[in-house]
Amino acid sequence: VIIYTIPNLIVNAKISKRVKAFDMQLNEGLVMISNALKAGYWFLQSLAVAAEETQPPFSTEFKILLKELSLGIPLEDGLNNLYDRISSEDLQLIINAILIQKDVGGNLSEIIENIAETIRERQRIKNEVKTLTAQGKLSGLIIMVMPVFLGVVIYLFDNAYIETLFVTLPGRIMLGTAMFSQFMGWLFIRKIINIEY
């Protein structure tokens, strides 16, 4: 179970880290694309400017997108491939706006600028929520660790006292109840601090 689980956890952590890094660069990249469009560049040239002027992972992903488009892949498919590689809600918002603008027309630079402002505000709210929920996360961690820590301390002073929990039926029932209560408490705390926005 451990051998099967650990690689998935590592890969998921790396994917999450990459998506967060992409999201942090997204606003800057959108501003560059919008400014390039205002300066008279067409859309693909604007993407190339943003890809050259930004850092990975943003630049890497947009270079892949440009390479796909240069090979003849339709814009919609290229953007969907980009979203498959970087599953970001903010990126989905941009892709939808670009595809809608492609069908109905409109000022793309202004649309991208408005989306950049929306994303900037969302990121500000995310950071504010993270700050406000940090105390709850710390409290949950302390509550989860404290019984284990106290158990180890008591075991060091009087191991027979703790061993009663493992060798007798009432002790095992109490231990199981405590572990179940800890798990339920962790779920409740996680539910309270997991704010949807």
N, C-alpha and C. Protein backbone atom coordinates (compact mmCIF):
# COMPACT_ATOMS: atom_id res chain seq x y z
N VAL A 1 0.84 -1.20 0.00
CA VAL A 1 0.00 0.00 0.00
C VAL A 1 0.87 1.25 0.00
N ILE A 2 1.93 1.25 0.84
CA ILE A 2 2.81 2.42 0.92
C ILE A 2 3.54 2.64 -0.40
N ILE A 3 4.07 1.53 -0.99
CA ILE A 3 4.79 1.64 -2.26
C ILE A 3 3.87 2.15 -3.36
N TYR A 4 2.60 1.76 -3.32
CA TYR A 4 1.64 2.22 -4.33
C TYR A 4 1.25 3.68 -4.10
N THR A 5 1.12 4.09 -2.84
CA THR A 5 0.59 5.40 -2.50
C THR A 5 1.62 6.52 -2.62
N ILE A 6 2.85 6.28 -2.14
CA ILE A 6 3.85 7.35 -2.05
C ILE A 6 4.15 8.00 -3.41
N PRO A 7 4.39 7.22 -4.50
CA PRO A 7 4.65 7.89 -5.79
C PRO A 7 3.49 8.80 -6.24
N ASN A 8 2.25 8.33 -6.02
CA ASN A 8 1.10 9.16 -6.39
C ASN A 8 1.07 10.45 -5.58
N LEU A 9 1.37 10.35 -4.29
CA LEU A 9 1.40 11.55 -3.44
C LEU A 9 2.47 12.53 -3.91
N ILE A 10 3.66 12.00 -4.25
CA ILE A 10 4.76 12.86 -4.71
C ILE A 10 4.39 13.55 -6.02
N VAL A 11 3.85 12.77 -6.96
CA VAL A 11 3.47 13.33 -8.27
C VAL A 11 2.37 14.38 -8.11
N ASN A 12 1.35 14.09 -7.29
CA ASN A 12 0.27 15.04 -7.07
C ASN A 12 0.76 16.32 -6.41
N ALA A 13 1.72 16.19 -5.47
CA ALA A 13 2.29 17.36 -4.81
C ALA A 13 3.05 18.22 -5.82
N LYS A 14 3.80 17.58 -6.72
CA LYS A 14 4.55 18.32 -7.74
C LYS A 14 3.60 19.00 -8.73
N ILE A 15 2.52 18.31 -9.10
CA ILE A 15 1.53 18.91 -10.01
C ILE A 15 0.89 20.12 -9.36
N SER A 16 0.51 19.97 -8.09
CA SER A 16 -0.11 21.08 -7.36
C SER A 16 0.83 22.27 -7.25
N LYS A 17 2.10 22.00 -6.97
CA LYS A 17 3.10 23.07 -6.86
C LYS A 17 3.27 23.79 -8.20
N ARG A 18 3.28 23.02 -9.29
CA ARG A 18 3.43 23.62 -10.62
C ARG A 18 2.23 24.48 -10.99
N VAL A 19 1.03 24.01 -10.68
CA VAL A 19 -0.19 24.77 -10.98
C VAL A 19 -0.20 26.07 -10.17
N LYS A 20 0.21 26.01 -8.90
CA LYS A 20 0.27 27.22 -8.08
C LYS A 20 1.26 28.22 -8.65
N ALA A 21 2.43 27.72 -9.07
CA ALA A 21 3.44 28.61 -9.66
C ALA A 21 2.91 29.24 -10.95
N PHE A 22 2.19 28.45 -11.75
CA PHE A 22 1.60 28.96 -12.99
C PHE A 22 0.58 30.05 -12.68
N ASP A 23 -0.28 29.79 -11.69
CA ASP A 23 -1.31 30.77 -11.30
C ASP A 23 -0.69 32.08 -10.83
N MET A 24 0.44 31.98 -10.11
CA MET A 24 1.10 33.19 -9.61
C MET A 24 1.66 34.03 -10.77
N GLN A 25 2.05 33.39 -11.86
CA GLN A 25 2.60 34.09 -13.02
C GLN A 25 1.53 34.50 -14.03
N LEU A 26 0.34 33.96 -13.88
CA LEU A 26 -0.70 34.13 -14.88
C LEU A 26 -1.07 35.59 -15.08
N ASN A 27 -1.22 36.32 -13.98
CA ASN A 27 -1.63 37.71 -14.06
C ASN A 27 -0.59 38.55 -14.83
N GLU A 28 0.68 38.32 -14.51
CA GLU A 28 1.76 39.03 -15.20
C GLU A 28 1.75 38.70 -16.71
N GLY A 29 1.57 37.42 -17.03
CA GLY A 29 1.52 37.01 -18.43
C GLY A 29 0.35 37.62 -19.18
N LEU A 30 -0.80 37.70 -18.52
CA LEU A 30 -1.98 38.30 -19.16
C LEU A 30 -1.78 39.77 -19.45
N VAL A 31 -1.15 40.47 -18.51
CA VAL A 31 -0.86 41.90 -18.72
C VAL A 31 0.05 42.08 -19.93
N MET A 32 1.07 41.21 -20.07
CA MET A 32 1.96 41.28 -21.23
C MET A 32 1.21 41.02 -22.53
N ILE A 33 0.33 40.02 -22.52
CA ILE A 33 -0.45 39.70 -23.73
C ILE A 33 -1.35 40.89 -24.10
N SER A 34 -2.01 41.46 -23.09
CA SER A 34 -2.91 42.60 -23.33
C SER A 34 -2.13 43.79 -23.87
N ASN A 35 -0.97 44.09 -23.29
CA ASN A 35 -0.16 45.22 -23.75
C ASN A 35 0.36 45.00 -25.17
N ALA A 36 0.73 43.74 -25.47
CA ALA A 36 1.21 43.43 -26.82
C ALA A 36 0.08 43.61 -27.85
N LEU A 37 -1.13 43.20 -27.49
CA LEU A 37 -2.28 43.39 -28.39
C LEU A 37 -2.56 44.87 -28.61
N LYS A 38 -2.43 45.67 -27.53
CA LYS A 38 -2.65 47.11 -27.66
C LYS A 38 -1.58 47.76 -28.55
N ALA A 39 -0.37 47.17 -28.52
CA ALA A 39 0.74 47.71 -29.32
C ALA A 39 0.62 47.33 -30.80
N GLY A 40 -0.35 46.50 -31.14
CA GLY A 40 -0.58 46.16 -32.55
C GLY A 40 -0.19 44.75 -32.95
N TYR A 41 0.32 43.96 -32.01
CA TYR A 41 0.65 42.57 -32.31
C TYR A 41 -0.64 41.77 -32.50
N TRP A 42 -0.59 40.74 -33.32
CA TRP A 42 -1.73 39.85 -33.37
C TRP A 42 -1.60 38.81 -32.28
N PHE A 43 -2.64 37.99 -32.11
CA PHE A 43 -2.76 37.17 -30.90
C PHE A 43 -1.57 36.24 -30.69
N LEU A 44 -1.17 35.50 -31.72
CA LEU A 44 -0.06 34.54 -31.57
C LEU A 44 1.25 35.25 -31.27
N GLN A 45 1.46 36.43 -31.87
CA GLN A 45 2.65 37.21 -31.55
C GLN A 45 2.64 37.66 -30.09
N SER A 46 1.47 38.01 -29.60
CA SER A 46 1.33 38.42 -28.19
C SER A 46 1.65 37.26 -27.26
N LEU A 47 1.20 36.06 -27.62
CA LEU A 47 1.53 34.87 -26.83
C LEU A 47 3.03 34.63 -26.83
N ALA A 48 3.67 34.84 -28.00
CA ALA A 48 5.11 34.63 -28.10
C ALA A 48 5.88 35.63 -27.24
N VAL A 49 5.41 36.87 -27.19
CA VAL A 49 6.04 37.89 -26.34
C VAL A 49 5.96 37.48 -24.88
N ALA A 50 4.76 37.05 -24.44
CA ALA A 50 4.58 36.62 -23.05
C ALA A 50 5.44 35.40 -22.74
N ALA A 51 5.53 34.47 -23.69
CA ALA A 51 6.33 33.25 -23.47
C ALA A 51 7.81 33.58 -23.33
N GLU A 52 8.28 34.59 -24.06
CA GLU A 52 9.70 34.94 -24.02
C GLU A 52 10.05 35.76 -22.78
N GLU A 53 9.11 36.56 -22.30
CA GLU A 53 9.41 37.51 -21.22
C GLU A 53 9.13 36.98 -19.82
N THR A 54 8.51 35.81 -19.72
CA THR A 54 8.17 35.26 -18.40
C THR A 54 9.07 34.08 -18.06
N GLN A 55 8.90 33.59 -16.84
CA GLN A 55 9.70 32.46 -16.33
C GLN A 55 8.87 31.17 -16.40
N PRO A 56 9.55 30.01 -16.35
CA PRO A 56 8.80 28.74 -16.24
C PRO A 56 8.02 28.72 -14.91
N PRO A 57 6.89 28.03 -14.84
CA PRO A 57 6.30 27.15 -15.87
C PRO A 57 5.46 27.87 -16.91
N PHE A 58 5.15 29.17 -16.69
CA PHE A 58 4.30 29.90 -17.64
C PHE A 58 4.92 29.90 -19.03
N SER A 59 6.19 30.28 -19.12
CA SER A 59 6.85 30.37 -20.43
C SER A 59 6.91 29.00 -21.11
N THR A 60 7.21 27.96 -20.34
CA THR A 60 7.31 26.61 -20.90
C THR A 60 5.99 26.17 -21.52
N GLU A 61 4.90 26.37 -20.78
CA GLU A 61 3.59 25.92 -21.26
C GLU A 61 3.14 26.70 -22.49
N PHE A 62 3.41 28.01 -22.52
CA PHE A 62 2.98 28.81 -23.67
C PHE A 62 3.87 28.55 -24.88
N LYS A 63 5.11 28.18 -24.67
CA LYS A 63 5.96 27.77 -25.80
C LYS A 63 5.46 26.48 -26.42
N ILE A 64 5.00 25.55 -25.56
CA ILE A 64 4.40 24.31 -26.07
C ILE A 64 3.14 24.63 -26.86
N LEU A 65 2.31 25.55 -26.33
CA LEU A 65 1.09 25.96 -27.03
C LEU A 65 1.42 26.55 -28.39
N LEU A 66 2.41 27.44 -28.44
CA LEU A 66 2.80 28.07 -29.71
C LEU A 66 3.33 27.04 -30.70
N LYS A 67 4.09 26.06 -30.20
CA LYS A 67 4.61 25.01 -31.07
C LYS A 67 3.47 24.19 -31.67
N GLU A 68 2.48 23.87 -30.84
CA GLU A 68 1.31 23.12 -31.33
C GLU A 68 0.56 23.92 -32.39
N LEU A 69 0.35 25.21 -32.13
CA LEU A 69 -0.38 26.05 -33.08
C LEU A 69 0.40 26.21 -34.39
N SER A 70 1.73 26.27 -34.30
CA SER A 70 2.55 26.40 -35.52
C SER A 70 2.51 25.13 -36.36
N LEU A 71 2.19 23.98 -35.71
CA LEU A 71 2.09 22.71 -36.44
C LEU A 71 0.70 22.50 -37.03
N GLY A 72 -0.20 23.48 -36.85
CA GLY A 72 -1.51 23.41 -37.48
C GLY A 72 -2.64 22.97 -36.59
N ILE A 73 -2.38 22.78 -35.29
CA ILE A 73 -3.46 22.41 -34.37
C ILE A 73 -4.40 23.62 -34.20
N PRO A 74 -5.72 23.44 -34.29
CA PRO A 74 -6.65 24.56 -34.09
C PRO A 74 -6.46 25.21 -32.71
N LEU A 75 -6.77 26.51 -32.65
CA LEU A 75 -6.58 27.26 -31.41
C LEU A 75 -7.35 26.63 -30.25
N GLU A 76 -8.59 26.22 -30.50
CA GLU A 76 -9.40 25.62 -29.43
C GLU A 76 -8.75 24.36 -28.88
N ASP A 77 -8.24 23.50 -29.77
CA ASP A 77 -7.59 22.26 -29.32
C ASP A 77 -6.30 22.57 -28.57
N GLY A 78 -5.54 23.54 -29.07
CA GLY A 78 -4.29 23.92 -28.39
C GLY A 78 -4.55 24.45 -26.99
N LEU A 79 -5.58 25.30 -26.84
CA LEU A 79 -5.92 25.84 -25.51
C LEU A 79 -6.43 24.74 -24.59
N ASN A 80 -7.21 23.81 -25.14
CA ASN A 80 -7.70 22.69 -24.32
C ASN A 80 -6.55 21.78 -23.88
N ASN A 81 -5.56 21.59 -24.75
CA ASN A 81 -4.37 20.82 -24.37
C ASN A 81 -3.61 21.53 -23.25
N LEU A 82 -3.53 22.85 -23.35
CA LEU A 82 -2.88 23.64 -22.30
C LEU A 82 -3.60 23.44 -20.96
N TYR A 83 -4.93 23.45 -21.00
CA TYR A 83 -5.70 23.25 -19.77
C TYR A 83 -5.52 21.83 -19.24
N ASP A 84 -5.38 20.84 -20.13
CA ASP A 84 -5.15 19.46 -19.68
C ASP A 84 -3.82 19.35 -18.93
N ARG A 85 -2.83 20.13 -19.36
CA ARG A 85 -1.52 20.09 -18.70
C ARG A 85 -1.53 20.89 -17.40
N ILE A 86 -2.24 22.01 -17.39
CA ILE A 86 -2.32 22.90 -16.21
C ILE A 86 -3.78 23.08 -15.87
N SER A 87 -4.30 22.26 -14.97
CA SER A 87 -5.73 22.32 -14.63
C SER A 87 -5.98 23.43 -13.60
N SER A 88 -6.00 24.66 -14.11
CA SER A 88 -6.19 25.83 -13.25
C SER A 88 -7.54 26.47 -13.55
N GLU A 89 -8.27 26.85 -12.50
CA GLU A 89 -9.56 27.50 -12.68
C GLU A 89 -9.40 28.84 -13.39
N ASP A 90 -8.34 29.58 -13.02
CA ASP A 90 -8.10 30.88 -13.64
C ASP A 90 -7.80 30.72 -15.13
N LEU A 91 -7.02 29.70 -15.47
CA LEU A 91 -6.71 29.43 -16.87
C LEU A 91 -7.98 29.06 -17.65
N GLN A 92 -8.86 28.30 -17.03
CA GLN A 92 -10.12 27.93 -17.68
C GLN A 92 -10.95 29.17 -18.00
N LEU A 93 -10.93 30.13 -17.09
CA LEU A 93 -11.65 31.40 -17.28
C LEU A 93 -11.12 32.13 -18.52
N ILE A 94 -9.80 32.16 -18.66
CA ILE A 94 -9.17 32.85 -19.80
C ILE A 94 -9.48 32.13 -21.10
N ILE A 95 -9.35 30.81 -21.09
CA ILE A 95 -9.61 30.02 -22.30
C ILE A 95 -11.04 30.23 -22.78
N ASN A 96 -11.99 30.18 -21.86
CA ASN A 96 -13.39 30.40 -22.23
C ASN A 96 -13.58 31.78 -22.85
N ALA A 97 -12.96 32.81 -22.25
CA ALA A 97 -13.09 34.18 -22.77
C ALA A 97 -12.49 34.30 -24.16
N ILE A 98 -11.33 33.69 -24.38
CA ILE A 98 -10.68 33.77 -25.70
C ILE A 98 -11.53 33.07 -26.76
N LEU A 99 -12.06 31.89 -26.41
CA LEU A 99 -12.87 31.15 -27.39
C LEU A 99 -14.19 31.85 -27.69
N ILE A 100 -14.79 32.47 -26.67
CA ILE A 100 -16.03 33.23 -26.89
C ILE A 100 -15.74 34.45 -27.77
N GLN A 101 -14.63 35.15 -27.48
CA GLN A 101 -14.26 36.32 -28.27
C GLN A 101 -13.99 35.93 -29.73
N LYS A 102 -13.40 34.75 -29.91
CA LYS A 102 -13.11 34.25 -31.27
C LYS A 102 -14.40 34.05 -32.06
N ASP A 103 -15.48 33.63 -31.37
CA ASP A 103 -16.75 33.36 -32.04
C ASP A 103 -17.59 34.63 -32.24
N VAL A 104 -17.63 35.49 -31.21
CA VAL A 104 -18.55 36.64 -31.27
C VAL A 104 -17.84 37.97 -31.53
N GLY A 105 -16.51 37.99 -31.43
CA GLY A 105 -15.77 39.22 -31.67
C GLY A 105 -15.67 40.07 -30.40
N GLY A 106 -15.01 41.20 -30.53
CA GLY A 106 -14.82 42.10 -29.39
C GLY A 106 -13.37 42.47 -29.22
N ASN A 107 -13.12 43.37 -28.29
CA ASN A 107 -11.76 43.85 -28.03
C ASN A 107 -11.05 42.87 -27.11
N LEU A 108 -10.18 42.02 -27.67
CA LEU A 108 -9.54 40.96 -26.91
C LEU A 108 -8.62 41.51 -25.83
N SER A 109 -7.89 42.58 -26.14
CA SER A 109 -6.97 43.14 -25.14
C SER A 109 -7.73 43.64 -23.92
N GLU A 110 -8.90 44.25 -24.16
CA GLU A 110 -9.71 44.74 -23.03
C GLU A 110 -10.29 43.58 -22.23
N ILE A 111 -10.70 42.52 -22.93
CA ILE A 111 -11.25 41.35 -22.25
C ILE A 111 -10.17 40.71 -21.37
N ILE A 112 -8.96 40.54 -21.93
CA ILE A 112 -7.87 39.94 -21.16
C ILE A 112 -7.50 40.81 -19.97
N GLU A 113 -7.53 42.13 -20.17
CA GLU A 113 -7.21 43.06 -19.07
C GLU A 113 -8.23 42.92 -17.95
N ASN A 114 -9.50 42.82 -18.30
CA ASN A 114 -10.56 42.66 -17.28
C ASN A 114 -10.40 41.33 -16.53
N ILE A 115 -10.06 40.26 -17.28
CA ILE A 115 -9.86 38.96 -16.64
C ILE A 115 -8.65 39.01 -15.71
N ALA A 116 -7.59 39.71 -16.14
CA ALA A 116 -6.40 39.84 -15.30
C ALA A 116 -6.76 40.53 -13.99
N GLU A 117 -7.61 41.54 -14.06
CA GLU A 117 -8.05 42.24 -12.84
C GLU A 117 -8.87 41.31 -11.95
N THR A 118 -9.73 40.50 -12.57
CA THR A 118 -10.54 39.53 -11.81
C THR A 118 -9.64 38.50 -11.13
N ILE A 119 -8.65 38.00 -11.86
CA ILE A 119 -7.73 37.01 -11.30
C ILE A 119 -6.92 37.61 -10.16
N ARG A 120 -6.47 38.87 -10.34
CA ARG A 120 -5.71 39.55 -9.29
C ARG A 120 -6.55 39.66 -8.01
N GLU A 121 -7.83 39.99 -8.17
CA GLU A 121 -8.72 40.11 -7.01
C GLU A 121 -8.96 38.75 -6.37
N ARG A 122 -9.11 37.71 -7.20
CA ARG A 122 -9.30 36.36 -6.66
C ARG A 122 -8.09 35.90 -5.87
N GLN A 123 -6.90 36.19 -6.39
CA GLN A 123 -5.68 35.80 -5.69
C GLN A 123 -5.55 36.55 -4.36
N ARG A 124 -5.96 37.82 -4.37
CA ARG A 124 -5.93 38.60 -3.12
C ARG A 124 -6.86 37.98 -2.08
N ILE A 125 -8.05 37.58 -2.52
CA ILE A 125 -9.02 36.96 -1.60
C ILE A 125 -8.49 35.61 -1.11
N LYS A 126 -7.87 34.82 -2.02
CA LYS A 126 -7.29 33.53 -1.63
C LYS A 126 -6.25 33.71 -0.54
N ASN A 127 -5.37 34.69 -0.73
CA ASN A 127 -4.32 34.95 0.27
C ASN A 127 -4.91 35.40 1.60
N GLU A 128 -5.98 36.21 1.52
CA GLU A 128 -6.64 36.68 2.74
C GLU A 128 -7.29 35.52 3.48
N VAL A 129 -7.96 34.64 2.73
CA VAL A 129 -8.61 33.46 3.33
C VAL A 129 -7.55 32.55 3.96
N LYS A 130 -6.41 32.37 3.25
CA LYS A 130 -5.33 31.53 3.76
C LYS A 130 -4.81 32.08 5.08
N THR A 131 -4.69 33.40 5.16
CA THR A 131 -4.22 34.04 6.39
C THR A 131 -5.23 33.84 7.52
N LEU A 132 -6.50 34.01 7.21
CA LEU A 132 -7.54 33.90 8.25
C LEU A 132 -7.73 32.47 8.74
N THR A 133 -7.47 31.49 7.87
CA THR A 133 -7.66 30.09 8.26
C THR A 133 -6.39 29.44 8.82
N ALA A 134 -5.28 30.18 8.80
CA ALA A 134 -4.01 29.62 9.29
C ALA A 134 -4.12 29.22 10.76
N GLN A 135 -4.83 30.03 11.57
CA GLN A 135 -4.98 29.71 12.99
C GLN A 135 -5.77 28.42 13.19
N GLY A 136 -6.82 28.25 12.38
CA GLY A 136 -7.62 27.02 12.48
C GLY A 136 -6.80 25.80 12.09
N LYS A 137 -5.96 25.92 11.05
CA LYS A 137 -5.11 24.80 10.64
C LYS A 137 -4.11 24.45 11.73
N LEU A 138 -3.53 25.48 12.34
CA LEU A 138 -2.56 25.24 13.41
C LEU A 138 -3.24 24.58 14.62
N SER A 139 -4.45 25.05 14.95
CA SER A 139 -5.20 24.46 16.07
C SER A 139 -5.50 22.99 15.80
N GLY A 140 -5.91 22.68 14.56
CA GLY A 140 -6.20 21.30 14.20
C GLY A 140 -4.96 20.42 14.30
N LEU A 141 -3.82 20.96 13.86
CA LEU A 141 -2.57 20.20 13.94
C LEU A 141 -2.19 19.92 15.39
N ILE A 142 -2.32 20.93 16.24
CA ILE A 142 -1.98 20.76 17.67
C ILE A 142 -2.89 19.73 18.32
N ILE A 143 -4.19 19.81 18.01
CA ILE A 143 -5.15 18.87 18.59
C ILE A 143 -4.86 17.44 18.14
N MET A 144 -4.41 17.28 16.89
CA MET A 144 -4.10 15.93 16.39
C MET A 144 -2.82 15.38 17.01
N VAL A 145 -1.83 16.24 17.22
CA VAL A 145 -0.51 15.78 17.68
C VAL A 145 -0.46 15.61 19.20
N MET A 146 -1.24 16.42 19.93
CA MET A 146 -1.14 16.45 21.39
C MET A 146 -1.37 15.09 22.06
N PRO A 147 -2.41 14.33 21.71
CA PRO A 147 -2.60 13.02 22.38
C PRO A 147 -1.43 12.07 22.14
N VAL A 148 -0.88 12.08 20.92
CA VAL A 148 0.26 11.21 20.62
C VAL A 148 1.46 11.63 21.46
N PHE A 149 1.71 12.93 21.52
CA PHE A 149 2.83 13.46 22.29
C PHE A 149 2.69 13.11 23.77
N LEU A 150 1.48 13.32 24.31
CA LEU A 150 1.25 13.00 25.73
C LEU A 150 1.39 11.50 25.98
N GLY A 151 0.92 10.69 25.03
CA GLY A 151 1.06 9.24 25.17
C GLY A 151 2.52 8.81 25.23
N VAL A 152 3.35 9.41 24.37
CA VAL A 152 4.79 9.09 24.37
C VAL A 152 5.43 9.51 25.69
N VAL A 153 5.07 10.71 26.17
CA VAL A 153 5.64 11.21 27.44
C VAL A 153 5.26 10.30 28.59
N ILE A 154 3.97 9.93 28.66
CA ILE A 154 3.51 9.05 29.75
C ILE A 154 4.18 7.69 29.65
N TYR A 155 4.35 7.20 28.41
CA TYR A 155 5.02 5.90 28.23
C TYR A 155 6.46 5.94 28.75
N LEU A 156 7.15 7.06 28.54
CA LEU A 156 8.52 7.18 29.02
C LEU A 156 8.60 7.16 30.55
N PHE A 157 7.56 7.71 31.21
CA PHE A 157 7.56 7.75 32.68
C PHE A 157 7.00 6.46 33.30
N ASP A 158 5.94 5.93 32.67
CA ASP A 158 5.30 4.73 33.23
C ASP A 158 4.71 3.93 32.07
N ASN A 159 5.52 3.06 31.48
CA ASN A 159 5.07 2.35 30.27
C ASN A 159 3.94 1.37 30.56
N ALA A 160 3.87 0.83 31.76
CA ALA A 160 2.78 -0.10 32.10
C ALA A 160 1.42 0.58 32.04
N TYR A 161 1.41 1.86 32.37
CA TYR A 161 0.17 2.64 32.37
C TYR A 161 -0.42 2.73 30.95
N ILE A 162 0.45 2.97 29.97
CA ILE A 162 0.01 3.09 28.57
C ILE A 162 -0.25 1.72 27.96
N GLU A 163 0.55 0.72 28.34
CA GLU A 163 0.38 -0.62 27.75
C GLU A 163 -0.98 -1.21 28.04
N THR A 164 -1.61 -0.75 29.09
CA THR A 164 -2.97 -1.21 29.43
C THR A 164 -3.93 -0.96 28.26
N LEU A 165 -3.71 0.13 27.54
CA LEU A 165 -4.58 0.46 26.40
C LEU A 165 -4.46 -0.58 25.28
N PHE A 166 -3.33 -1.24 25.18
CA PHE A 166 -3.08 -2.15 24.06
C PHE A 166 -3.33 -3.62 24.40
N VAL A 167 -3.29 -3.99 25.69
CA VAL A 167 -3.38 -5.40 26.06
C VAL A 167 -4.73 -5.80 26.64
N THR A 168 -5.55 -4.83 27.02
CA THR A 168 -6.87 -5.16 27.59
C THR A 168 -7.97 -4.75 26.62
N LEU A 169 -9.11 -5.45 26.69
CA LEU A 169 -10.23 -5.15 25.80
C LEU A 169 -10.78 -3.73 26.02
N PRO A 170 -11.05 -3.32 27.29
CA PRO A 170 -11.53 -1.94 27.50
C PRO A 170 -10.52 -0.90 26.97
N GLY A 171 -9.23 -1.20 27.17
CA GLY A 171 -8.20 -0.27 26.69
C GLY A 171 -8.23 -0.14 25.18
N ARG A 172 -8.40 -1.28 24.49
CA ARG A 172 -8.45 -1.24 23.02
C ARG A 172 -9.70 -0.49 22.54
N ILE A 173 -10.81 -0.71 23.24
CA ILE A 173 -12.04 0.02 22.88
C ILE A 173 -11.85 1.52 23.06
N MET A 174 -11.23 1.91 24.19
CA MET A 174 -10.96 3.32 24.44
C MET A 174 -10.01 3.90 23.38
N LEU A 175 -8.99 3.12 23.03
CA LEU A 175 -8.02 3.57 22.03
C LEU A 175 -8.69 3.74 20.66
N GLY A 176 -9.52 2.77 20.29
CA GLY A 176 -10.24 2.86 19.02
C GLY A 176 -11.19 4.04 18.99
N THR A 177 -11.91 4.25 20.13
CA THR A 177 -12.83 5.40 20.23
C THR A 177 -12.07 6.71 20.11
N ALA A 178 -10.91 6.77 20.78
CA ALA A 178 -10.10 7.99 20.73
C ALA A 178 -9.62 8.26 19.30
N MET A 179 -9.17 7.21 18.60
CA MET A 179 -8.68 7.40 17.23
C MET A 179 -9.82 7.83 16.31
N PHE A 180 -11.00 7.24 16.50
CA PHE A 180 -12.16 7.62 15.71
C PHE A 180 -12.54 9.08 15.98
N SER A 181 -12.51 9.48 17.25
CA SER A 181 -12.85 10.86 17.62
C SER A 181 -11.84 11.83 17.02
N GLN A 182 -10.56 11.44 17.06
CA GLN A 182 -9.52 12.29 16.46
C GLN A 182 -9.76 12.48 14.97
N PHE A 183 -10.10 11.38 14.30
CA PHE A 183 -10.35 11.44 12.86
C PHE A 183 -11.56 12.32 12.55
N MET A 184 -12.64 12.17 13.34
CA MET A 184 -13.83 12.98 13.12
C MET A 184 -13.53 14.46 13.40
N GLY A 185 -12.76 14.72 14.44
CA GLY A 185 -12.38 16.10 14.75
C GLY A 185 -11.58 16.72 13.62
N TRP A 186 -10.65 15.93 13.04
CA TRP A 186 -9.86 16.41 11.91
C TRP A 186 -10.76 16.74 10.71
N LEU A 187 -11.76 15.87 10.45
CA LEU A 187 -12.69 16.12 9.35
C LEU A 187 -13.49 17.40 9.57
N PHE A 188 -13.98 17.59 10.82
CA PHE A 188 -14.77 18.79 11.13
C PHE A 188 -13.94 20.06 10.99
N ILE A 189 -12.72 20.03 11.51
CA ILE A 189 -11.85 21.20 11.42
C ILE A 189 -11.54 21.52 9.96
N ARG A 190 -11.26 20.46 9.19
CA ARG A 190 -10.96 20.66 7.76
C ARG A 190 -12.16 21.25 7.03
N LYS A 191 -13.36 20.79 7.40
CA LYS A 191 -14.57 21.30 6.76
C LYS A 191 -14.79 22.77 7.11
N ILE A 192 -14.50 23.14 8.36
CA ILE A 192 -14.72 24.53 8.80
C ILE A 192 -13.76 25.48 8.09
N ILE A 193 -12.48 25.08 7.97
CA ILE A 193 -11.49 26.01 7.39
C ILE A 193 -11.39 25.93 5.88
N ASN A 194 -12.08 24.96 5.27
CA ASN A 194 -12.05 24.84 3.81
C ASN A 194 -13.15 25.71 3.22
N ILE A 195 -12.83 26.98 2.96
CA ILE A 195 -13.82 27.95 2.50
C ILE A 195 -13.85 27.93 0.98
N GLU A 196 -15.06 27.78 0.43
CA GLU A 196 -15.23 27.78 -1.02
C GLU A 196 -15.50 29.20 -1.50
N TYR A 197 -14.80 29.61 -2.56
CA TYR A 197 -15.00 30.94 -3.13
C TYR A 197 -14.81 30.90 -4.64
